[in-house]
PDB file of all heavy atoms in Angstrom:
ATOM      1  N   TRP A   1     -73.930 137.665  23.057  1.00  0.00           N
ATOM      2  CA  TRP A   1     -74.217 136.240  22.853  1.00  0.00           C
ATOM      3  C   TRP A   1     -73.873 135.816  21.429  1.00  0.00           C
ATOM      4  O   TRP A   1     -73.320 134.732  21.200  1.00  0.00           O
ATOM      5  CB  TRP A   1     -75.697 135.960  23.120  1.00  0.00           C
ATOM      6  CG  TRP A   1     -76.069 135.992  24.577  1.00  0.00           C
ATOM      7  CD1 TRP A   1     -75.245 135.915  25.653  1.00  0.00           C
ATOM      8  CD2 TRP A   1     -77.401 136.104  25.109  1.00  0.00           C
ATOM      9  NE1 TRP A   1     -75.959 135.963  26.825  1.00  0.00           N
ATOM     10  CE2 TRP A   1     -77.284 136.080  26.525  1.00  0.00           C
ATOM     11  CE3 TRP A   1     -78.665 136.224  24.543  1.00  0.00           C
ATOM     12  CZ2 TRP A   1     -78.397 136.169  27.360  1.00  0.00           C
ATOM     13  CZ3 TRP A   1     -79.779 136.313  25.375  1.00  0.00           C
ATOM     14  CH2 TRP A   1     -79.638 136.294  26.772  1.00  0.00           C
ATOM     15  N   ILE A   2     -74.197 136.657  20.466  1.00  0.00           N
ATOM     16  CA  ILE A   2     -73.967 136.314  19.058  1.00  0.00           C
ATOM     17  C   ILE A   2     -72.475 136.350  18.715  1.00  0.00           C
ATOM     18  O   ILE A   2     -71.963 135.488  17.986  1.00  0.00           O
ATOM     19  CB  ILE A   2     -74.760 137.273  18.133  1.00  0.00           C
ATOM     20  CG1 ILE A   2     -76.272 137.038  18.320  1.00  0.00           C
ATOM     21  CG2 ILE A   2     -74.377 137.069  16.660  1.00  0.00           C
ATOM     22  CD1 ILE A   2     -77.151 138.110  17.723  1.00  0.00           C
ATOM     23  N   HIS A   3     -71.763 137.309  19.259  1.00  0.00           N
ATOM     24  CA  HIS A   3     -70.334 137.430  18.960  1.00  0.00           C
ATOM     25  C   HIS A   3     -69.500 136.352  19.651  1.00  0.00           C
ATOM     26  O   HIS A   3     -68.427 135.992  19.174  1.00  0.00           O
ATOM     27  CB  HIS A   3     -69.819 138.821  19.386  1.00  0.00           C
ATOM     28  CG  HIS A   3     -70.310 139.916  18.501  1.00  0.00           C
ATOM     29  ND1 HIS A   3     -70.849 141.092  18.980  1.00  0.00           N
ATOM     30  CD2 HIS A   3     -70.361 140.011  17.140  1.00  0.00           C
ATOM     31  CE1 HIS A   3     -71.201 141.868  17.953  1.00  0.00           C
ATOM     32  NE2 HIS A   3     -70.918 141.231  16.835  1.00  0.00           N
ATOM     33  N   ARG A   4     -69.998 135.846  20.796  1.00  0.00           N
ATOM     34  CA  ARG A   4     -69.280 134.786  21.523  1.00  0.00           C
ATOM     35  C   ARG A   4     -70.224 133.601  21.731  1.00  0.00           C
ATOM     36  O   ARG A   4     -70.740 133.387  22.836  1.00  0.00           O
ATOM     37  CB  ARG A   4     -68.771 135.301  22.866  1.00  0.00           C
ATOM     38  CG  ARG A   4     -67.674 136.330  22.753  1.00  0.00           C
ATOM     39  CD  ARG A   4     -67.032 136.616  24.108  1.00  0.00           C
ATOM     40  NE  ARG A   4     -67.971 137.233  25.036  1.00  0.00           N
ATOM     41  CZ  ARG A   4     -68.246 138.535  25.075  1.00  0.00           C
ATOM     42  NH1 ARG A   4     -67.664 139.354  24.239  1.00  0.00           N
ATOM     43  NH2 ARG A   4     -69.099 139.019  25.957  1.00  0.00           N
ATOM     44  N   PRO A   5     -70.441 132.821  20.685  1.00  0.00           N
ATOM     45  CA  PRO A   5     -71.450 131.757  20.738  1.00  0.00           C
ATOM     46  C   PRO A   5     -70.996 130.481  21.456  1.00  0.00           C
ATOM     47  O   PRO A   5     -70.861 129.415  20.846  1.00  0.00           O
ATOM     48  CB  PRO A   5     -71.733 131.481  19.260  1.00  0.00           C
ATOM     49  CG  PRO A   5     -70.453 131.802  18.573  1.00  0.00           C
ATOM     50  CD  PRO A   5     -69.830 132.928  19.344  1.00  0.00           C
ATOM     51  N   ASP A   6     -70.733 130.604  22.767  1.00  0.00           N
ATOM     52  CA  ASP A   6     -70.429 129.405  23.545  1.00  0.00           C
ATOM     53  C   ASP A   6     -71.746 128.682  23.844  1.00  0.00           C
ATOM     54  O   ASP A   6     -72.825 129.203  23.551  1.00  0.00           O
ATOM     55  CB  ASP A   6     -69.684 129.769  24.827  1.00  0.00           C
ATOM     56  CG  ASP A   6     -70.436 130.798  25.664  1.00  0.00           C
ATOM     57  OD1 ASP A   6     -71.682 130.728  25.746  1.00  0.00           O
ATOM     58  OD2 ASP A   6     -69.782 131.693  26.234  1.00  0.00           O
ATOM     59  N   PRO A   7     -71.713 127.462  24.401  1.00  0.00           N
ATOM     60  CA  PRO A   7     -72.950 126.700  24.637  1.00  0.00           C
ATOM     61  C   PRO A   7     -74.013 127.466  25.430  1.00  0.00           C
ATOM     62  O   PRO A   7     -75.206 127.388  25.112  1.00  0.00           O
ATOM     63  CB  PRO A   7     -72.456 125.469  25.416  1.00  0.00           C
ATOM     64  CG  PRO A   7     -71.047 125.274  24.933  1.00  0.00           C
ATOM     65  CD  PRO A   7     -70.517 126.657  24.730  1.00  0.00           C
ATOM     66  N   GLU A   8     -73.588 128.235  26.437  1.00  0.00           N
ATOM     67  CA  GLU A   8     -74.551 128.984  27.246  1.00  0.00           C
ATOM     68  C   GLU A   8     -75.208 130.086  26.416  1.00  0.00           C
ATOM     69  O   GLU A   8     -76.425 130.281  26.483  1.00  0.00           O
ATOM     70  CB  GLU A   8     -73.857 129.581  28.466  1.00  0.00           C
ATOM     71  CG  GLU A   8     -74.839 130.259  29.434  1.00  0.00           C
ATOM     72  CD  GLU A   8     -74.157 130.787  30.683  1.00  0.00           C
ATOM     73  OE1 GLU A   8     -73.341 131.732  30.563  1.00  0.00           O
ATOM     74  OE2 GLU A   8     -74.418 130.250  31.766  1.00  0.00           O
ATOM     75  N   SER A   9     -74.411 130.772  25.617  1.00  0.00           N
ATOM     76  CA  SER A   9     -74.948 131.844  24.776  1.00  0.00           C
ATOM     77  C   SER A   9     -75.936 131.295  23.746  1.00  0.00           C
ATOM     78  O   SER A   9     -76.979 131.901  23.488  1.00  0.00           O
ATOM     79  CB  SER A   9     -73.809 132.581  24.060  1.00  0.00           C
ATOM     80  OG  SER A   9     -72.966 133.226  24.985  1.00  0.00           O
ATOM     81  N   ILE A  10     -75.591 130.156  23.155  1.00  0.00           N
ATOM     82  CA  ILE A  10     -76.493 129.524  22.174  1.00  0.00           C
ATOM     83  C   ILE A  10     -77.812 129.159  22.837  1.00  0.00           C
ATOM     84  O   ILE A  10     -78.901 129.382  22.282  1.00  0.00           O
ATOM     85  CB  ILE A  10     -75.841 128.268  21.555  1.00  0.00           C
ATOM     86  CG1 ILE A  10     -74.656 128.665  20.668  1.00  0.00           C
ATOM     87  CG2 ILE A  10     -76.853 127.463  20.758  1.00  0.00           C
ATOM     88  CD1 ILE A  10     -75.024 129.422  19.416  1.00  0.00           C
ATOM     89  N   MET A  11     -77.745 128.596  24.037  1.00  0.00           N
ATOM     90  CA  MET A  11     -78.959 128.219  24.758  1.00  0.00           C
ATOM     91  C   MET A  11     -79.814 129.452  25.053  1.00  0.00           C
ATOM     92  O   MET A  11     -81.026 129.458  24.821  1.00  0.00           O
ATOM     93  CB  MET A  11     -78.609 127.511  26.063  1.00  0.00           C
ATOM     94  CG  MET A  11     -79.831 127.129  26.894  1.00  0.00           C
ATOM     95  SD  MET A  11     -79.400 126.323  28.460  1.00  0.00           S
ATOM     96  CE  MET A  11     -78.702 127.705  29.376  1.00  0.00           C
ATOM     97  N   TYR A  12     -79.179 130.513  25.546  1.00  0.00           N
ATOM     98  CA  TYR A  12     -79.919 131.715  25.919  1.00  0.00           C
ATOM     99  C   TYR A  12     -80.566 132.391  24.714  1.00  0.00           C
ATOM    100  O   TYR A  12     -81.721 132.798  24.767  1.00  0.00           O
ATOM    101  CB  TYR A  12     -79.000 132.707  26.642  1.00  0.00           C
ATOM    102  CG  TYR A  12     -78.671 132.319  28.069  1.00  0.00           C
ATOM    103  CD1 TYR A  12     -77.537 132.823  28.707  1.00  0.00           C
ATOM    104  CD2 TYR A  12     -79.499 131.449  28.783  1.00  0.00           C
ATOM    105  CE1 TYR A  12     -77.230 132.474  30.022  1.00  0.00           C
ATOM    106  CE2 TYR A  12     -79.195 131.094  30.087  1.00  0.00           C
ATOM    107  CZ  TYR A  12     -78.068 131.599  30.701  1.00  0.00           C
ATOM    108  OH  TYR A  12     -77.775 131.251  31.997  1.00  0.00           O
ATOM    109  N   ILE A  13     -79.826 132.504  23.621  1.00  0.00           N
ATOM    110  CA  ILE A  13     -80.400 133.203  22.472  1.00  0.00           C
ATOM    111  C   ILE A  13     -81.474 132.350  21.799  1.00  0.00           C
ATOM    112  O   ILE A  13     -82.429 132.877  21.221  1.00  0.00           O
ATOM    113  CB  ILE A  13     -79.316 133.641  21.458  1.00  0.00           C
ATOM    114  CG1 ILE A  13     -79.859 134.827  20.636  1.00  0.00           C
ATOM    115  CG2 ILE A  13     -78.903 132.502  20.540  1.00  0.00           C
ATOM    116  CD1 ILE A  13     -78.802 135.656  19.984  1.00  0.00           C
ATOM    117  N   SER A  14     -81.338 131.037  21.899  1.00  0.00           N
ATOM    118  CA  SER A  14     -82.378 130.150  21.370  1.00  0.00           C
ATOM    119  C   SER A  14     -83.688 130.365  22.123  1.00  0.00           C
ATOM    120  O   SER A  14     -84.760 130.444  21.528  1.00  0.00           O
ATOM    121  CB  SER A  14     -81.946 128.687  21.483  1.00  0.00           C
ATOM    122  OG  SER A  14     -80.817 128.424  20.675  1.00  0.00           O
ATOM    123  N   ILE A  15     -83.582 130.460  23.441  1.00  0.00           N
ATOM    124  CA  ILE A  15     -84.767 130.700  24.268  1.00  0.00           C
ATOM    125  C   ILE A  15     -85.329 132.091  24.014  1.00  0.00           C
ATOM    126  O   ILE A  15     -86.533 132.279  23.844  1.00  0.00           O
ATOM    127  CB  ILE A  15     -84.419 130.535  25.764  1.00  0.00           C
ATOM    128  CG1 ILE A  15     -84.053 129.087  26.079  1.00  0.00           C
ATOM    129  CG2 ILE A  15     -85.580 130.995  26.652  1.00  0.00           C
ATOM    130  CD1 ILE A  15     -83.433 128.881  27.448  1.00  0.00           C
ATOM    131  N   PHE A  16     -84.408 133.088  23.911  1.00  0.00           N
ATOM    132  CA  PHE A  16     -84.853 134.474  23.791  1.00  0.00           C
ATOM    133  C   PHE A  16     -85.470 134.763  22.425  1.00  0.00           C
ATOM    134  O   PHE A  16     -86.412 135.562  22.321  1.00  0.00           O
ATOM    135  CB  PHE A  16     -83.672 135.432  24.028  1.00  0.00           C
ATOM    136  CG  PHE A  16     -84.089 136.858  24.200  1.00  0.00           C
ATOM    137  CD1 PHE A  16     -84.432 137.347  25.454  1.00  0.00           C
ATOM    138  CD2 PHE A  16     -84.177 137.716  23.111  1.00  0.00           C
ATOM    139  CE1 PHE A  16     -84.851 138.658  25.623  1.00  0.00           C
ATOM    140  CE2 PHE A  16     -84.582 139.030  23.264  1.00  0.00           C
ATOM    141  CZ  PHE A  16     -84.922 139.497  24.535  1.00  0.00           C
ATOM    142  N   PHE A  17     -84.968 134.124  21.375  1.00  0.00           N
ATOM    143  CA  PHE A  17     -85.456 134.418  20.024  1.00  0.00           C
ATOM    144  C   PHE A  17     -86.947 134.106  19.871  1.00  0.00           C
ATOM    145  O   PHE A  17     -87.615 134.666  19.016  1.00  0.00           O
ATOM    146  CB  PHE A  17     -84.646 133.649  18.975  1.00  0.00           C
ATOM    147  CG  PHE A  17     -85.099 133.935  17.562  1.00  0.00           C
ATOM    148  CD1 PHE A  17     -84.948 135.206  17.021  1.00  0.00           C
ATOM    149  CD2 PHE A  17     -85.677 132.942  16.791  1.00  0.00           C
ATOM    150  CE1 PHE A  17     -85.373 135.477  15.720  1.00  0.00           C
ATOM    151  CE2 PHE A  17     -86.102 133.202  15.494  1.00  0.00           C
ATOM    152  CZ  PHE A  17     -85.938 134.473  14.958  1.00  0.00           C
ATOM    153  N   ASP A  18     -87.473 133.224  20.718  1.00  0.00           N
ATOM    154  CA  ASP A  18     -88.891 132.866  20.654  1.00  0.00           C
ATOM    155  C   ASP A  18     -89.764 133.840  21.442  1.00  0.00           C
ATOM    156  O   ASP A  18     -90.926 133.541  21.734  1.00  0.00           O
ATOM    157  CB  ASP A  18     -89.097 131.440  21.194  1.00  0.00           C
ATOM    158  CG  ASP A  18     -88.334 130.401  20.383  1.00  0.00           C
ATOM    159  OD1 ASP A  18     -88.056 130.665  19.206  1.00  0.00           O
ATOM    160  OD2 ASP A  18     -88.014 129.334  20.933  1.00  0.00           O
ATOM    161  N   LEU A  19     -89.220 135.008  21.807  1.00  0.00           N
ATOM    162  CA  LEU A  19     -89.950 135.944  22.663  1.00  0.00           C
ATOM    163  C   LEU A  19     -91.260 136.412  22.039  1.00  0.00           C
ATOM    164  O   LEU A  19     -91.365 136.586  20.825  1.00  0.00           O
ATOM    165  CB  LEU A  19     -89.088 137.142  23.028  1.00  0.00           C
ATOM    166  CG  LEU A  19     -88.982 138.336  22.052  1.00  0.00           C
ATOM    167  CD1 LEU A  19     -88.424 139.543  22.782  1.00  0.00           C
ATOM    168  CD2 LEU A  19     -88.140 137.997  20.838  1.00  0.00           C
ATOM    169  N   ARG A  20     -92.241 136.595  22.911  1.00  0.00           N
ATOM    170  CA  ARG A  20     -93.565 137.087  22.509  1.00  0.00           C
ATOM    171  C   ARG A  20     -94.089 137.982  23.620  1.00  0.00           C
ATOM    172  O   ARG A  20     -94.129 137.599  24.777  1.00  0.00           O
ATOM    173  CB  ARG A  20     -94.501 135.884  22.287  1.00  0.00           C
ATOM    174  CG  ARG A  20     -95.908 136.253  21.867  1.00  0.00           C
ATOM    175  CD  ARG A  20     -96.676 134.988  21.455  1.00  0.00           C
ATOM    176  NE  ARG A  20     -96.742 134.000  22.518  1.00  0.00           N
ATOM    177  CZ  ARG A  20     -97.657 134.009  23.500  1.00  0.00           C
ATOM    178  NH1 ARG A  20     -98.562 134.974  23.569  1.00  0.00           N
ATOM    179  NH2 ARG A  20     -97.660 133.059  24.424  1.00  0.00           N
ATOM    180  N   SER A  21     -94.482 139.193  23.267  1.00  0.00           N
ATOM    181  CA  SER A  21     -94.959 140.143  24.264  1.00  0.00           C
ATOM    182  C   SER A  21     -96.399 139.806  24.645  1.00  0.00           C
ATOM    183  O   SER A  21     -97.256 139.651  23.777  1.00  0.00           O
ATOM    184  CB  SER A  21     -94.896 141.563  23.712  1.00  0.00           C
ATOM    185  OG  SER A  21     -95.424 142.491  24.645  1.00  0.00           O
ATOM    186  N   VAL A  22     -96.656 139.681  25.963  1.00  0.00           N
ATOM    187  CA  VAL A  22     -98.021 139.398  26.418  1.00  0.00           C
ATOM    188  C   VAL A  22     -98.624 140.590  27.159  1.00  0.00           C
ATOM    189  O   VAL A  22     -99.822 140.612  27.451  1.00  0.00           O
ATOM    190  CB  VAL A  22     -98.081 138.147  27.328  1.00  0.00           C
ATOM    191  CG1 VAL A  22     -97.725 136.902  26.550  1.00  0.00           C
ATOM    192  CG2 VAL A  22     -97.197 138.294  28.554  1.00  0.00           C
ATOM    193  N   TYR A  23     -97.781 141.587  27.457  1.00  0.00           N
ATOM    194  CA  TYR A  23     -98.284 142.776  28.145  1.00  0.00           C
ATOM    195  C   TYR A  23     -97.328 143.940  27.899  1.00  0.00           C
ATOM    196  O   TYR A  23     -96.116 143.778  27.943  1.00  0.00           O
ATOM    197  CB  TYR A  23     -98.389 142.530  29.653  1.00  0.00           C
ATOM    198  CG  TYR A  23     -99.114 143.635  30.405  1.00  0.00           C
ATOM    199  CD1 TYR A  23    -100.477 143.517  30.702  1.00  0.00           C
ATOM    200  CD2 TYR A  23     -98.454 144.793  30.799  1.00  0.00           C
ATOM    201  CE1 TYR A  23    -101.150 144.536  31.372  1.00  0.00           C
ATOM    202  CE2 TYR A  23     -99.118 145.807  31.465  1.00  0.00           C
ATOM    203  CZ  TYR A  23    -100.471 145.676  31.746  1.00  0.00           C
ATOM    204  OH  TYR A  23    -101.139 146.678  32.402  1.00  0.00           O
ATOM    205  N   GLY A  24     -97.898 145.114  27.628  1.00  0.00           N
ATOM    206  CA  GLY A  24     -97.080 146.309  27.526  1.00  0.00           C
ATOM    207  C   GLY A  24     -96.699 146.675  26.110  1.00  0.00           C
ATOM    208  O   GLY A  24     -97.418 146.374  25.147  1.00  0.00           O
ATOM    209  N   ASN A  25     -95.535 147.288  25.967  1.00  0.00           N
ATOM    210  CA  ASN A  25     -95.067 147.857  24.706  1.00  0.00           C
ATOM    211  C   ASN A  25     -94.510 146.775  23.782  1.00  0.00           C
ATOM    212  O   ASN A  25     -93.372 146.340  23.923  1.00  0.00           O
ATOM    213  CB  ASN A  25     -93.991 148.914  24.990  1.00  0.00           C
ATOM    214  CG  ASN A  25     -93.671 149.750  23.773  1.00  0.00           C
ATOM    215  OD1 ASN A  25     -93.903 149.341  22.645  1.00  0.00           O
ATOM    216  ND2 ASN A  25     -93.134 150.933  24.008  1.00  0.00           N
ATOM    217  N   ASP A  26     -95.321 146.384  22.801  1.00  0.00           N
ATOM    218  CA  ASP A  26     -94.936 145.302  21.897  1.00  0.00           C
ATOM    219  C   ASP A  26     -93.792 145.714  20.973  1.00  0.00           C
ATOM    220  O   ASP A  26     -93.092 144.861  20.419  1.00  0.00           O
ATOM    221  CB  ASP A  26     -96.152 144.870  21.065  1.00  0.00           C
ATOM    222  CG  ASP A  26     -95.869 143.648  20.219  1.00  0.00           C
ATOM    223  OD1 ASP A  26     -95.259 142.694  20.726  1.00  0.00           O
ATOM    224  OD2 ASP A  26     -96.244 143.651  19.024  1.00  0.00           O
ATOM    225  N   ASN A  27     -93.563 147.010  20.802  1.00  0.00           N
ATOM    226  CA  ASN A  27     -92.494 147.470  19.909  1.00  0.00           C
ATOM    227  C   ASN A  27     -91.116 147.013  20.379  1.00  0.00           C
ATOM    228  O   ASN A  27     -90.213 146.802  19.574  1.00  0.00           O
ATOM    229  CB  ASN A  27     -92.505 149.000  19.810  1.00  0.00           C
ATOM    230  CG  ASN A  27     -93.719 149.504  19.043  1.00  0.00           C
ATOM    231  OD1 ASN A  27     -94.208 148.822  18.143  1.00  0.00           O
ATOM    232  ND2 ASN A  27     -94.210 150.681  19.405  1.00  0.00           N
TER     233      ASN A  27
END
């Protein structure tokens, strides 16, 4: 996604960067 920052990749990484673990291995 980072190497090919087309609109879809930008949208996906924007959503993913806000990730927060709510269960399991937080590492």
